[in-house]
Structures are given as C-alpha cells and as structure tokens.
C-alpha cells in the first residue's frame, strides 16, 4: 500500500480502512494489524499537529517483506524533528510526576522492532519495522 492522505486528523478513518484492506490481503495477524494502526495514529497525528509547514498531504507506505512489516510515513516541506531525541518514558511513575508528551512514541517503540527518523532537505521520513506472523489459514479442502 502506498498512498497520500490529507493532512487532517479526520483522514485517520480513511487510513484505517486502507490498513484493514492491506492486512486482510497480506493475512497479517491481529497483533500486527493493531500495532500498525496504533503506530500510524500516533505518528500521523504527531505530523499533523506538530510539524511546522508541510504540504497538504502525508505519504504512507506499508509493505510486507517476508516476516517484516515495514511502515513509512513521509512528510514534505517541514522543519526537522527527530523523536529519537525524546527520552524514555518511565511508565512506573505516577501521571502527576510525568512530563507531557512522548507516551505515544514510547508505545510505538515497544510494539515495533525498529523505529528510525530520516530528515533530508525538508522531508521527514519515519520508518517502523515489525516482525510479524500470518493469520492461521484453515484448510477447507476437506
């Protein structure tokens, strides 16, 4: 799947429909599908809300490479941002003692095996990689 989506929070419904189609076609298990949706919701929402500048659309590419699920979100004409600079979130601390922000990226880091940011000439590309399984396919040949 490779598509561009309007830079609005409302685009999430359309994005999730596309992800559902992709995960069904690729027989990606429920855990993998959940992780992709959570990551997209977090990363896409951050791009919409926090990236300065930006074109009207954000590109999303989702590919299966064997047992790897590769998710790319690309935002164009934006200022540099690297969430890897965000420190680890201590989820054991009470909410009242935590700083605001960073929990979503923390969750993406926990659900995916790799998370990287690349910024070149106004283009930010976030890549998340997850090792996944396939849904069990039942033999109906009897």
C-alpha atoms as a PDB file:
ATOM      1  CA  UNK A   1       0.000   0.000   0.000  1.00  0.00           C
ATOM      2  CA  UNK A   2       1.344   3.393  -0.936  1.00  0.00           C
ATOM      3  CA  UNK A   3      -0.929   6.408  -0.704  1.00  0.00           C
ATOM      4  CA  UNK A   4      -1.060  10.034   0.263  1.00  0.00           C
ATOM      5  CA  UNK A   5      -3.604  11.193   2.802  1.00  0.00           C
ATOM      6  CA  UNK A   6      -4.883  14.652   3.577  1.00  0.00           C
ATOM      7  CA  UNK A   7      -3.053  16.369   6.423  1.00  0.00           C
ATOM      8  CA  UNK A   8      -6.024  16.259   8.820  1.00  0.00           C
ATOM      9  CA  UNK A   9      -6.907  14.130  11.817  1.00  0.00           C
ATOM     10  CA  UNK A  10     -10.143  13.245  10.003  1.00  0.00           C
ATOM     11  CA  UNK A  11      -8.058  11.318   7.438  1.00  0.00           C
ATOM     12  CA  UNK A  12      -7.454   8.599  10.033  1.00  0.00           C
ATOM     13  CA  UNK A  13     -10.732   6.842   9.144  1.00  0.00           C
ATOM     14  CA  UNK A  14      -9.652   6.532   5.513  1.00  0.00           C
ATOM     15  CA  UNK A  15      -6.163   5.460   6.563  1.00  0.00           C
ATOM     16  CA  UNK A  16      -7.541   2.722   8.820  1.00  0.00           C
ATOM     17  CA  UNK A  17      -9.758   1.416   6.003  1.00  0.00           C
ATOM     18  CA  UNK A  18      -6.681   1.173   3.777  1.00  0.00           C
ATOM     19  CA  UNK A  19      -4.737  -0.588   6.535  1.00  0.00           C
ATOM     20  CA  UNK A  20      -7.608  -3.054   7.061  1.00  0.00           C
ATOM     21  CA  UNK A  21      -7.597  -3.893   3.350  1.00  0.00           C
ATOM     22  CA  UNK A  22      -3.826  -4.332   3.348  1.00  0.00           C
ATOM     23  CA  UNK A  23      -3.698  -6.517   6.468  1.00  0.00           C
ATOM     24  CA  UNK A  24      -6.521  -8.702   5.139  1.00  0.00           C
ATOM     25  CA  UNK A  25      -4.830  -9.141   1.746  1.00  0.00           C
ATOM     26  CA  UNK A  26      -1.495  -9.940   3.372  1.00  0.00           C
ATOM     27  CA  UNK A  27      -3.035 -12.228   6.048  1.00  0.00           C
ATOM     28  CA  UNK A  28      -1.374 -10.233   8.816  1.00  0.00           C
ATOM     29  CA  UNK A  29      -2.378 -11.382  12.281  1.00  0.00           C
ATOM     30  CA  UNK A  30      -4.425  -9.243  14.665  1.00  0.00           C
ATOM     31  CA  UNK A  31      -1.392  -8.232  16.746  1.00  0.00           C
ATOM     32  CA  UNK A  32       0.401  -6.913  13.673  1.00  0.00           C
ATOM     33  CA  UNK A  33      -2.695  -5.076  12.428  1.00  0.00           C
ATOM     34  CA  UNK A  34      -3.235  -3.481  15.851  1.00  0.00           C
ATOM     35  CA  UNK A  35       0.391  -2.371  16.068  1.00  0.00           C
ATOM     36  CA  UNK A  36       0.254  -0.768  12.612  1.00  0.00           C
ATOM     37  CA  UNK A  37      -2.917   1.156  13.405  1.00  0.00           C
ATOM     38  CA  UNK A  38      -1.586   2.388  16.736  1.00  0.00           C
ATOM     39  CA  UNK A  39       1.716   3.457  15.168  1.00  0.00           C
ATOM     40  CA  UNK A  40       0.004   5.253  12.305  1.00  0.00           C
ATOM     41  CA  UNK A  41      -2.413   7.001  14.632  1.00  0.00           C
ATOM     42  CA  UNK A  42       0.429   8.220  16.823  1.00  0.00           C
ATOM     43  CA  UNK A  43       2.936   9.163  14.116  1.00  0.00           C
ATOM     44  CA  UNK A  44       0.438  10.637  11.643  1.00  0.00           C
ATOM     45  CA  UNK A  45      -1.267  12.653  14.385  1.00  0.00           C
ATOM     46  CA  UNK A  46       2.105  13.990  15.550  1.00  0.00           C
ATOM     47  CA  UNK A  47       2.951  15.046  11.993  1.00  0.00           C
ATOM     48  CA  UNK A  48      -0.387  16.818  11.563  1.00  0.00           C
ATOM     49  CA  UNK A  49      -0.239  18.591  14.921  1.00  0.00           C
ATOM     50  CA  UNK A  50       3.437  19.373  15.365  1.00  0.00           C
ATOM     51  CA  UNK A  51       5.291  19.578  12.049  1.00  0.00           C
ATOM     52  CA  UNK A  52       5.815  23.183  11.031  1.00  0.00           C
ATOM     53  CA  UNK A  53       4.939  23.898   7.417  1.00  0.00           C
ATOM     54  CA  UNK A  54       4.099  20.836   5.438  1.00  0.00           C
ATOM     55  CA  UNK A  55       2.237  20.093   2.256  1.00  0.00           C
ATOM     56  CA  UNK A  56      -1.460  19.263   2.145  1.00  0.00           C
ATOM     57  CA  UNK A  57      -0.769  15.512   2.193  1.00  0.00           C
ATOM     58  CA  UNK A  58       1.335  12.983   4.099  1.00  0.00           C
ATOM     59  CA  UNK A  59       2.512   9.824   2.326  1.00  0.00           C
ATOM     60  CA  UNK A  60       2.109   6.420   3.940  1.00  0.00           C
ATOM     61  CA  UNK A  61       3.687   3.241   2.623  1.00  0.00           C
ATOM     62  CA  UNK A  62       3.023  -0.147   4.163  1.00  0.00           C
ATOM     63  CA  UNK A  63       4.798  -3.219   2.828  1.00  0.00           C
ATOM     64  CA  UNK A  64       5.279  -6.803   3.799  1.00  0.00           C
ATOM     65  CA  UNK A  65       8.801  -8.082   3.233  1.00  0.00           C
ATOM     66  CA  UNK A  66       8.661 -11.733   4.245  1.00  0.00           C
ATOM     67  CA  UNK A  67       8.133 -11.750   8.001  1.00  0.00           C
ATOM     68  CA  UNK A  68       8.774  -8.000   8.270  1.00  0.00           C
ATOM     69  CA  UNK A  69       6.121  -5.343   8.154  1.00  0.00           C
ATOM     70  CA  UNK A  70       7.616  -2.014   7.060  1.00  0.00           C
ATOM     71  CA  UNK A  71       5.728   1.222   7.699  1.00  0.00           C
ATOM     72  CA  UNK A  72       6.919   4.570   6.297  1.00  0.00           C
ATOM     73  CA  UNK A  73       5.312   7.947   6.887  1.00  0.00           C
ATOM     74  CA  UNK A  74       6.743  10.827   4.854  1.00  0.00           C
ATOM     75  CA  UNK A  75       6.034  14.494   5.494  1.00  0.00           C
ATOM     76  CA  UNK A  76       7.220  17.076   2.959  1.00  0.00           C
ATOM     77  CA  UNK A  77       8.378  20.686   3.376  1.00  0.00           C
ATOM     78  CA  UNK A  78       8.628  20.518   7.160  1.00  0.00           C
ATOM     79  CA  UNK A  79      11.181  21.517   9.736  1.00  0.00           C
ATOM     80  CA  UNK A  80      13.486  18.893  11.188  1.00  0.00           C
ATOM     81  CA  UNK A  81      12.200  16.717  14.014  1.00  0.00           C
ATOM     82  CA  UNK A  82      13.699  13.538  15.395  1.00  0.00           C
ATOM     83  CA  UNK A  83      11.634  11.735  18.015  1.00  0.00           C
ATOM     84  CA  UNK A  84      14.633   9.579  18.847  1.00  0.00           C
ATOM     85  CA  UNK A  85      15.719  12.640  20.854  1.00  0.00           C
ATOM     86  CA  UNK A  86      12.729  12.043  23.119  1.00  0.00           C
ATOM     87  CA  UNK A  87      13.874  10.280  26.247  1.00  0.00           C
ATOM     88  CA  UNK A  88      12.403   7.070  27.561  1.00  0.00           C
ATOM     89  CA  UNK A  89       9.098   7.327  29.404  1.00  0.00           C
ATOM     90  CA  UNK A  90       9.062   5.906  32.916  1.00  0.00           C
ATOM     91  CA  UNK A  91       5.586   4.391  32.905  1.00  0.00           C
ATOM     92  CA  UNK A  92       6.027   3.332  36.542  1.00  0.00           C
ATOM     93  CA  UNK A  93       5.912   6.944  37.726  1.00  0.00           C
ATOM     94  CA  UNK A  94       2.531   8.437  38.631  1.00  0.00           C
ATOM     95  CA  UNK A  95       0.935  10.542  35.878  1.00  0.00           C
ATOM     96  CA  UNK A  96       1.226  13.642  38.063  1.00  0.00           C
ATOM     97  CA  UNK A  97       5.026  13.276  38.047  1.00  0.00           C
ATOM     98  CA  UNK A  98       5.483  12.699  34.301  1.00  0.00           C
ATOM     99  CA  UNK A  99       6.167  15.276  31.647  1.00  0.00           C
ATOM    100  CA  UNK A 100       3.512  15.720  28.977  1.00  0.00           C
ATOM    101  CA  UNK A 101       4.250  14.016  25.669  1.00  0.00           C
ATOM    102  CA  UNK A 102       6.318  11.100  24.492  1.00  0.00           C
ATOM    103  CA  UNK A 103       4.000   8.282  25.573  1.00  0.00           C
ATOM    104  CA  UNK A 104       2.781   7.559  22.032  1.00  0.00           C
ATOM    105  CA  UNK A 105       6.295   7.284  20.640  1.00  0.00           C
ATOM    106  CA  UNK A 106       7.141   5.093  23.647  1.00  0.00           C
ATOM    107  CA  UNK A 107       4.302   2.733  22.693  1.00  0.00           C
ATOM    108  CA  UNK A 108       5.431   2.603  19.058  1.00  0.00           C
ATOM    109  CA  UNK A 109       8.959   1.756  20.211  1.00  0.00           C
ATOM    110  CA  UNK A 110       7.577  -1.077  22.353  1.00  0.00           C
ATOM    111  CA  UNK A 111       5.356  -2.530  19.604  1.00  0.00           C
ATOM    112  CA  UNK A 112       7.912  -2.330  16.779  1.00  0.00           C
ATOM    113  CA  UNK A 113      11.369  -3.843  16.460  1.00  0.00           C
ATOM    114  CA  UNK A 114      12.868  -0.765  14.802  1.00  0.00           C
ATOM    115  CA  UNK A 115      11.937   2.921  14.688  1.00  0.00           C
ATOM    116  CA  UNK A 116      14.017   5.451  12.773  1.00  0.00           C
ATOM    117  CA  UNK A 117      13.776   9.028  11.558  1.00  0.00           C
ATOM    118  CA  UNK A 118      15.456  10.485   8.495  1.00  0.00           C
ATOM    119  CA  UNK A 119      15.358  14.162   7.562  1.00  0.00           C
ATOM    120  CA  UNK A 120      16.748  15.420   4.242  1.00  0.00           C
ATOM    121  CA  UNK A 121      16.070  18.799   2.632  1.00  0.00           C
ATOM    122  CA  UNK A 122      12.702  19.433   4.257  1.00  0.00           C
ATOM    123  CA  UNK A 123      11.440  15.847   4.010  1.00  0.00           C
ATOM    124  CA  UNK A 124      10.898  13.803   7.167  1.00  0.00           C
ATOM    125  CA  UNK A 125      10.579  10.032   6.787  1.00  0.00           C
ATOM    126  CA  UNK A 126       9.690   7.882   9.781  1.00  0.00           C
ATOM    127  CA  UNK A 127      10.201   4.140   9.377  1.00  0.00           C
ATOM    128  CA  UNK A 128       8.915   1.454  11.726  1.00  0.00           C
ATOM    129  CA  UNK A 129       9.657  -2.254  11.231  1.00  0.00           C
ATOM    130  CA  UNK A 130       7.880  -5.123  12.966  1.00  0.00           C
ATOM    131  CA  UNK A 131       8.447  -8.853  12.704  1.00  0.00           C
ATOM    132  CA  UNK A 132       5.019 -10.374  12.209  1.00  0.00           C
ATOM    133  CA  UNK A 133       3.096 -13.578  11.860  1.00  0.00           C
ATOM    134  CA  UNK A 134       0.340 -14.655   9.498  1.00  0.00           C
ATOM    135  CA  UNK A 135      -3.227 -15.427  10.362  1.00  0.00           C
ATOM    136  CA  UNK A 136      -3.884 -19.145  10.574  1.00  0.00           C
ATOM    137  CA  UNK A 137      -5.395 -20.286   7.294  1.00  0.00           C
ATOM    138  CA  UNK A 138      -7.809 -23.156   7.673  1.00  0.00           C
ATOM    139  CA  UNK A 139      -7.767 -25.971   5.139  1.00  0.00           C
ATOM    140  CA  UNK A 140     -11.236 -26.131   3.611  1.00  0.00           C
ATOM    141  CA  UNK A 141     -10.456 -28.804   1.036  1.00  0.00           C
ATOM    142  CA  UNK A 142     -11.853 -31.410   3.465  1.00  0.00           C
END
